[in-house]
Amino acid sequence: MAKGFEEPDFFTDHSVLLDPYEALDAVRSQSSVRQMENHDFVMVTGFAEATAVLLDGEHFSSVIAAAGPTAPLPFVPEGDDITDQIAAHHHEFVGHETFLSFDGAEHSARRALLNKLFTPSRLRANELYMHDLADRMVRDVVAKGGCELMHDLATPYVTYVIADLLGVPEEDRAKITEILASAPLPGAVDDADAGASLAPLAEQVGGMFAGYILDRRANPRQDVMTDLATARFPDGSIPEVGELVMLAIFLFAAGQDTSAKLVGNSGDPSPDQQVCTHRR
């Protein structure tokens, strides 16, 4: 450890949140694999080392992928191999509802369900919808003379795009957008577990999606929601409705934050060209 090195706090320091790159470089300069001083976990910043960990499903688990490393384990580890303990307590982990928390064959089986939504023809149709939606939203902003970038453009745009991809009926998209806009953000610095669990969203949106899926199973149509409702696991088994609901909600939750922020940070126009304000 270099003398005088002060370890950044990636979980509570707002300055690190706003500009993490210098902090990451500082940690990497000490070691690409480092036992952190202020938290009981190892931080991996080297590309080769991180790749090795991510590809090694035998020795490393993704069970904390949704919540991150700050949430405590729901059990006291015993022995060098805690695989069986993770399986027994999987339902107790924060964020266990997402397929990201599963390992191996269980993860692959759930991912296969989503892959059915990303066929070339479906993505082309979604791309056309994205162009049309962007055109309509920007025209509305120009007509109004301004907007708040994240609230009026970035967040609803992302939600509507995912809703179209999933086949949510047009008349329900505004309601889902409103619900997601008021949901806790994933990765919140002031609450390490905020947004990690999909349970709050499931309570509000889950009933709507369960209704869609049950309807499509009883009355199949030529749409994406029917493809999702009638999908099967690779072994031929039929997923529970709740499983499909959580997969759909995960898509909304995952894209809501990252993609909306990407749109919001895409550029800052000069004052004489600025149409939208940006609330941080």
Foldseek 3Di string as FASTA:
>chain_A
DDPPQDQDDCQADVVCVVPVPVNLVSVVVVPQWACDDPDGDIHHNDPVVVVVQVVPLPQDFQQCVLLDDPDDDPDDDDDDDCVVVCVVCSVVHQLSLDLSNDTDPSSVQLVVLVVLLDDPVLVVVLVVVLVVVLVVQVVVLVVVQAEAQLLRPLQLSLQVSLCVSQVPDPVCSVVLSVVVVPAWAGSDSVDSSGLSHCVVVCVVCVVVLLVLLVVCVVPPDPGNNVSSSQDAGPVRHHDDSSSSSSHSSVSSNVCNPPRSVCSLVVDDDDPVPHRYHYDD
